[in-house]
């Protein structure tokens, strides 16, 4: 699961008693690296991977890992809540808007949706030095991805979020993807 979230650079995660993440074994390291030695973003990725794997196992969820990219962490009112900005996430919300336009409100138990909006923005910038979550990247090309969703029902219901993710490209290194925290859900 950690490879689906962070790529192969963090290697395998190791769990202590009670399924608490303890360390990772990066593919370029000769020994394990404790979570205390990871950045805050990497630590969050490890914890998220463990939570998702345990939740899927506990719920015996079938089909969850059949998608090419698992980009969501739960649902609210029948709609998925993302933890990553991906093309699959954007396609999902565009499909929801198209379904609402066609009168299909099955994703919302409240019924009719009065309005809905999806917004996606990607900005690429070069930085001689880019600092994110305490990590420093020299000569970096940074892609800032932002995905927002909102909908309002005929009754007293509303749901929305904004999620921001940075993908950092540095010459001769694997890309690094970092979320700016959990999505702001309302």
C-alpha atoms as a PDB file:
ATOM      1  CA  UNK A   1       0.000   0.000   0.000  1.00  0.00           C
ATOM      2  CA  UNK A   2       2.811   2.449   0.798  1.00  0.00           C
ATOM      3  CA  UNK A   3       4.105   2.119  -2.772  1.00  0.00           C
ATOM      4  CA  UNK A   4       0.669   3.151  -4.122  1.00  0.00           C
ATOM      5  CA  UNK A   5       0.775   6.332  -2.051  1.00  0.00           C
ATOM      6  CA  UNK A   6       4.435   7.368  -1.964  1.00  0.00           C
ATOM      7  CA  UNK A   7       5.968   5.437  -4.834  1.00  0.00           C
ATOM      8  CA  UNK A   8       8.844   3.033  -4.324  1.00  0.00           C
ATOM      9  CA  UNK A   9      11.235   5.428  -2.598  1.00  0.00           C
ATOM     10  CA  UNK A  10      10.026   4.623   0.948  1.00  0.00           C
ATOM     11  CA  UNK A  11      10.308   0.884   0.372  1.00  0.00           C
ATOM     12  CA  UNK A  12       8.380  -1.328   2.770  1.00  0.00           C
ATOM     13  CA  UNK A  13       6.853  -0.228   6.049  1.00  0.00           C
ATOM     14  CA  UNK A  14       7.427  -2.101   9.293  1.00  0.00           C
ATOM     15  CA  UNK A  15       4.836  -2.300  12.041  1.00  0.00           C
ATOM     16  CA  UNK A  16       5.337  -2.580  15.795  1.00  0.00           C
ATOM     17  CA  UNK A  17       2.854  -4.066  18.264  1.00  0.00           C
ATOM     18  CA  UNK A  18      -0.769  -3.025  17.751  1.00  0.00           C
ATOM     19  CA  UNK A  19      -0.038  -2.249  14.072  1.00  0.00           C
ATOM     20  CA  UNK A  20       1.725   1.042  14.808  1.00  0.00           C
ATOM     21  CA  UNK A  21       4.072   2.125  11.985  1.00  0.00           C
ATOM     22  CA  UNK A  22       7.632   1.978  13.235  1.00  0.00           C
ATOM     23  CA  UNK A  23      10.049   2.280  10.328  1.00  0.00           C
ATOM     24  CA  UNK A  24      10.497   2.041   6.580  1.00  0.00           C
ATOM     25  CA  UNK A  25      13.222   0.437   4.525  1.00  0.00           C
ATOM     26  CA  UNK A  26      13.889   2.778   1.590  1.00  0.00           C
ATOM     27  CA  UNK A  27      15.162   1.135  -1.565  1.00  0.00           C
ATOM     28  CA  UNK A  28      18.344   3.240  -1.471  1.00  0.00           C
ATOM     29  CA  UNK A  29      19.136   2.606   2.215  1.00  0.00           C
ATOM     30  CA  UNK A  30      21.018  -0.349   3.635  1.00  0.00           C
ATOM     31  CA  UNK A  31      18.970  -0.376   6.834  1.00  0.00           C
ATOM     32  CA  UNK A  32      15.604   0.698   8.179  1.00  0.00           C
ATOM     33  CA  UNK A  33      14.764   4.349   8.812  1.00  0.00           C
ATOM     34  CA  UNK A  34      12.570   5.203  11.807  1.00  0.00           C
ATOM     35  CA  UNK A  35       9.556   7.450  11.346  1.00  0.00           C
ATOM     36  CA  UNK A  36      11.296  10.098  13.461  1.00  0.00           C
ATOM     37  CA  UNK A  37      13.865  10.450  10.677  1.00  0.00           C
ATOM     38  CA  UNK A  38      11.256  11.024   7.949  1.00  0.00           C
ATOM     39  CA  UNK A  39       9.698  14.334   6.994  1.00  0.00           C
ATOM     40  CA  UNK A  40       6.254  15.148   8.332  1.00  0.00           C
ATOM     41  CA  UNK A  41       4.712  14.486   4.920  1.00  0.00           C
ATOM     42  CA  UNK A  42       6.411  11.102   4.557  1.00  0.00           C
ATOM     43  CA  UNK A  43       5.329  10.129   8.063  1.00  0.00           C
ATOM     44  CA  UNK A  44       1.725  11.044   7.180  1.00  0.00           C
ATOM     45  CA  UNK A  45       1.964   8.911   4.029  1.00  0.00           C
ATOM     46  CA  UNK A  46       3.123   5.900   6.056  1.00  0.00           C
ATOM     47  CA  UNK A  47       0.344   6.359   8.618  1.00  0.00           C
ATOM     48  CA  UNK A  48      -2.242   6.769   5.853  1.00  0.00           C
ATOM     49  CA  UNK A  49      -1.052   3.600   4.105  1.00  0.00           C
ATOM     50  CA  UNK A  50      -1.330   1.607   7.325  1.00  0.00           C
ATOM     51  CA  UNK A  51      -4.799   3.017   8.127  1.00  0.00           C
ATOM     52  CA  UNK A  52      -6.079   2.254   4.629  1.00  0.00           C
ATOM     53  CA  UNK A  53      -4.671  -1.278   4.656  1.00  0.00           C
ATOM     54  CA  UNK A  54      -6.074  -2.010   8.118  1.00  0.00           C
ATOM     55  CA  UNK A  55      -9.461  -0.495   7.280  1.00  0.00           C
ATOM     56  CA  UNK A  56      -9.741  -2.528   4.092  1.00  0.00           C
ATOM     57  CA  UNK A  57      -8.729  -5.686   5.948  1.00  0.00           C
ATOM     58  CA  UNK A  58     -11.102  -5.032   8.853  1.00  0.00           C
ATOM     59  CA  UNK A  59     -14.020  -4.217   6.576  1.00  0.00           C
ATOM     60  CA  UNK A  60     -13.095  -6.985   4.144  1.00  0.00           C
ATOM     61  CA  UNK A  61     -13.602  -4.467   1.359  1.00  0.00           C
ATOM     62  CA  UNK A  62     -13.568  -6.137  -2.018  1.00  0.00           C
ATOM     63  CA  UNK A  63     -12.771  -4.138  -5.092  1.00  0.00           C
ATOM     64  CA  UNK A  64     -10.982  -1.338  -3.212  1.00  0.00           C
ATOM     65  CA  UNK A  65      -7.586  -2.284  -4.596  1.00  0.00           C
ATOM     66  CA  UNK A  66      -8.881  -3.153  -8.057  1.00  0.00           C
ATOM     67  CA  UNK A  67      -8.683   0.471  -9.177  1.00  0.00           C
ATOM     68  CA  UNK A  68      -5.418   1.552 -10.762  1.00  0.00           C
ATOM     69  CA  UNK A  69      -4.981   4.258  -8.137  1.00  0.00           C
ATOM     70  CA  UNK A  70      -6.743   4.431  -4.803  1.00  0.00           C
ATOM     71  CA  UNK A  71      -7.185   8.191  -4.358  1.00  0.00           C
ATOM     72  CA  UNK A  72      -9.999   8.360  -1.804  1.00  0.00           C
ATOM     73  CA  UNK A  73     -10.163   7.687   1.927  1.00  0.00           C
ATOM     74  CA  UNK A  74     -13.862   7.633   2.732  1.00  0.00           C
ATOM     75  CA  UNK A  75     -17.240   8.974   1.771  1.00  0.00           C
ATOM     76  CA  UNK A  76     -19.689  11.585   2.952  1.00  0.00           C
ATOM     77  CA  UNK A  77     -23.268  11.638   1.804  1.00  0.00           C
ATOM     78  CA  UNK A  78     -22.427   9.029  -0.827  1.00  0.00           C
ATOM     79  CA  UNK A  79     -19.567  11.007  -2.383  1.00  0.00           C
ATOM     80  CA  UNK A  80     -15.913  10.057  -2.022  1.00  0.00           C
ATOM     81  CA  UNK A  81     -13.453  12.175  -0.018  1.00  0.00           C
ATOM     82  CA  UNK A  82     -10.009  12.290  -1.654  1.00  0.00           C
ATOM     83  CA  UNK A  83      -6.627  12.135   0.005  1.00  0.00           C
ATOM     84  CA  UNK A  84      -4.752  12.669  -3.277  1.00  0.00           C
ATOM     85  CA  UNK A  85      -5.210  14.867  -6.328  1.00  0.00           C
ATOM     86  CA  UNK A  86      -5.124  12.432  -9.257  1.00  0.00           C
ATOM     87  CA  UNK A  87      -6.606  12.157 -12.731  1.00  0.00           C
ATOM     88  CA  UNK A  88      -8.949   9.455 -11.394  1.00  0.00           C
ATOM     89  CA  UNK A  89     -10.198  11.828  -8.665  1.00  0.00           C
ATOM     90  CA  UNK A  90     -10.858  14.600 -11.174  1.00  0.00           C
ATOM     91  CA  UNK A  91     -12.636  12.181 -13.533  1.00  0.00           C
ATOM     92  CA  UNK A  92     -14.822  10.961 -10.644  1.00  0.00           C
ATOM     93  CA  UNK A  93     -16.036  14.473  -9.748  1.00  0.00           C
ATOM     94  CA  UNK A  94     -16.577  15.462 -13.382  1.00  0.00           C
ATOM     95  CA  UNK A  95     -18.676  12.286 -13.780  1.00  0.00           C
ATOM     96  CA  UNK A  96     -20.684  13.285 -10.678  1.00  0.00           C
ATOM     97  CA  UNK A  97     -21.449  16.687 -12.186  1.00  0.00           C
ATOM     98  CA  UNK A  98     -22.503  15.045 -15.447  1.00  0.00           C
ATOM     99  CA  UNK A  99     -24.770  12.650 -13.524  1.00  0.00           C
ATOM    100  CA  UNK A 100     -26.338  15.560 -11.619  1.00  0.00           C
ATOM    101  CA  UNK A 101     -26.861  17.422 -14.907  1.00  0.00           C
ATOM    102  CA  UNK A 102     -28.671  14.348 -16.265  1.00  0.00           C
ATOM    103  CA  UNK A 103     -30.913  14.155 -13.181  1.00  0.00           C
ATOM    104  CA  UNK A 104     -29.125  11.211 -11.518  1.00  0.00           C
ATOM    105  CA  UNK A 105     -28.766  12.094  -7.827  1.00  0.00           C
ATOM    106  CA  UNK A 106     -28.145   8.540  -6.620  1.00  0.00           C
ATOM    107  CA  UNK A 107     -24.775   9.556  -5.106  1.00  0.00           C
ATOM    108  CA  UNK A 108     -26.535  11.884  -2.661  1.00  0.00           C
ATOM    109  CA  UNK A 109     -29.041  10.310  -0.285  1.00  0.00           C
ATOM    110  CA  UNK A 110     -30.587  13.738   0.279  1.00  0.00           C
ATOM    111  CA  UNK A 111     -32.041  13.788  -3.241  1.00  0.00           C
ATOM    112  CA  UNK A 112     -31.947  16.698  -5.651  1.00  0.00           C
ATOM    113  CA  UNK A 113     -28.741  18.694  -5.953  1.00  0.00           C
ATOM    114  CA  UNK A 114     -29.375  22.392  -6.567  1.00  0.00           C
ATOM    115  CA  UNK A 115     -25.803  23.201  -7.622  1.00  0.00           C
ATOM    116  CA  UNK A 116     -22.400  21.561  -7.834  1.00  0.00           C
ATOM    117  CA  UNK A 117     -18.941  22.687  -8.832  1.00  0.00           C
ATOM    118  CA  UNK A 118     -15.583  21.059  -9.472  1.00  0.00           C
ATOM    119  CA  UNK A 119     -12.383  23.029  -9.913  1.00  0.00           C
ATOM    120  CA  UNK A 120      -8.948  21.751 -10.873  1.00  0.00           C
ATOM    121  CA  UNK A 121      -5.833  23.843 -11.215  1.00  0.00           C
ATOM    122  CA  UNK A 122      -2.234  22.898 -11.916  1.00  0.00           C
ATOM    123  CA  UNK A 123       0.654  25.364 -11.816  1.00  0.00           C
ATOM    124  CA  UNK A 124       4.273  24.517 -12.642  1.00  0.00           C
ATOM    125  CA  UNK A 125       7.080  26.686 -11.281  1.00  0.00           C
ATOM    126  CA  UNK A 126      10.857  26.357 -11.154  1.00  0.00           C
ATOM    127  CA  UNK A 127      12.614  27.044  -7.839  1.00  0.00           C
ATOM    128  CA  UNK A 128      16.336  27.265  -7.220  1.00  0.00           C
ATOM    129  CA  UNK A 129      15.449  26.274  -3.645  1.00  0.00           C
ATOM    130  CA  UNK A 130      12.041  24.916  -2.645  1.00  0.00           C
ATOM    131  CA  UNK A 131      11.251  24.175   1.007  1.00  0.00           C
ATOM    132  CA  UNK A 132       8.205  22.082   1.868  1.00  0.00           C
ATOM    133  CA  UNK A 133       7.356  20.430   5.153  1.00  0.00           C
ATOM    134  CA  UNK A 134      10.886  21.011   6.431  1.00  0.00           C
ATOM    135  CA  UNK A 135      12.546  19.420   3.391  1.00  0.00           C
ATOM    136  CA  UNK A 136      14.800  21.378   1.037  1.00  0.00           C
ATOM    137  CA  UNK A 137      14.915  20.730  -2.706  1.00  0.00           C
ATOM    138  CA  UNK A 138      17.583  22.312  -4.931  1.00  0.00           C
ATOM    139  CA  UNK A 139      16.859  23.152  -8.595  1.00  0.00           C
ATOM    140  CA  UNK A 140      13.292  21.877  -8.323  1.00  0.00           C
ATOM    141  CA  UNK A 141      10.371  22.024 -10.720  1.00  0.00           C
ATOM    142  CA  UNK A 142       7.252  22.069  -8.572  1.00  0.00           C
ATOM    143  CA  UNK A 143       3.758  21.230  -9.739  1.00  0.00           C
ATOM    144  CA  UNK A 144       1.038  22.573  -7.437  1.00  0.00           C
ATOM    145  CA  UNK A 145      -2.240  20.682  -7.919  1.00  0.00           C
ATOM    146  CA  UNK A 146      -5.497  21.899  -6.406  1.00  0.00           C
ATOM    147  CA  UNK A 147      -8.825  20.069  -6.515  1.00  0.00           C
ATOM    148  CA  UNK A 148     -12.021  21.581  -5.090  1.00  0.00           C
ATOM    149  CA  UNK A 149     -15.581  20.273  -5.010  1.00  0.00           C
ATOM    150  CA  UNK A 150     -18.851  21.572  -3.634  1.00  0.00           C
ATOM    151  CA  UNK A 151     -22.521  20.765  -3.925  1.00  0.00           C
ATOM    152  CA  UNK A 152     -25.685  22.072  -2.334  1.00  0.00           C
ATOM    153  CA  UNK A 153     -28.918  20.086  -2.034  1.00  0.00           C
ATOM    154  CA  UNK A 154     -32.505  21.241  -2.040  1.00  0.00           C
ATOM    155  CA  UNK A 155     -32.639  20.643   1.717  1.00  0.00           C
ATOM    156  CA  UNK A 156     -30.157  21.622   4.417  1.00  0.00           C
ATOM    157  CA  UNK A 157     -27.220  19.700   3.022  1.00  0.00           C
ATOM    158  CA  UNK A 158     -23.928  20.770   1.571  1.00  0.00           C
ATOM    159  CA  UNK A 159     -20.561  19.142   1.066  1.00  0.00           C
ATOM    160  CA  UNK A 160     -17.272  20.410  -0.215  1.00  0.00           C
ATOM    161  CA  UNK A 161     -13.507  20.219   0.093  1.00  0.00           C
ATOM    162  CA  UNK A 162     -10.262  21.665  -1.185  1.00  0.00           C
ATOM    163  CA  UNK A 163      -7.131  19.529  -1.469  1.00  0.00           C
ATOM    164  CA  UNK A 164      -3.673  20.736  -2.494  1.00  0.00           C
ATOM    165  CA  UNK A 165      -0.785  18.520  -3.526  1.00  0.00           C
ATOM    166  CA  UNK A 166       2.749  19.369  -4.594  1.00  0.00           C
ATOM    167  CA  UNK A 167       4.751  17.112  -6.879  1.00  0.00           C
ATOM    168  CA  UNK A 168       8.439  17.990  -6.766  1.00  0.00           C
ATOM    169  CA  UNK A 169      10.808  17.077  -9.578  1.00  0.00           C
ATOM    170  CA  UNK A 170      14.548  17.277  -8.947  1.00  0.00           C
ATOM    171  CA  UNK A 171      17.108  16.166 -11.569  1.00  0.00           C
ATOM    172  CA  UNK A 172      18.289  12.559 -11.146  1.00  0.00           C
ATOM    173  CA  UNK A 173      15.790  11.783  -8.352  1.00  0.00           C
ATOM    174  CA  UNK A 174      12.358  10.179  -8.153  1.00  0.00           C
ATOM    175  CA  UNK A 175       9.478  12.658  -8.025  1.00  0.00           C
ATOM    176  CA  UNK A 176       8.207  13.482  -4.547  1.00  0.00           C
ATOM    177  CA  UNK A 177       4.473  14.019  -3.970  1.00  0.00           C
ATOM    178  CA  UNK A 178       3.339  15.829  -0.837  1.00  0.00           C
ATOM    179  CA  UNK A 179      -0.152  16.760   0.279  1.00  0.00           C
ATOM    180  CA  UNK A 180      -0.655  19.980   2.204  1.00  0.00           C
ATOM    181  CA  UNK A 181      -2.471  18.144   4.981  1.00  0.00           C
ATOM    182  CA  UNK A 182      -5.845  16.469   4.815  1.00  0.00           C
ATOM    183  CA  UNK A 183      -8.534  17.929   2.600  1.00  0.00           C
ATOM    184  CA  UNK A 184     -10.430  20.807   4.152  1.00  0.00           C
ATOM    185  CA  UNK A 185     -13.906  19.193   4.215  1.00  0.00           C
ATOM    186  CA  UNK A 186     -17.086  21.088   5.055  1.00  0.00           C
END
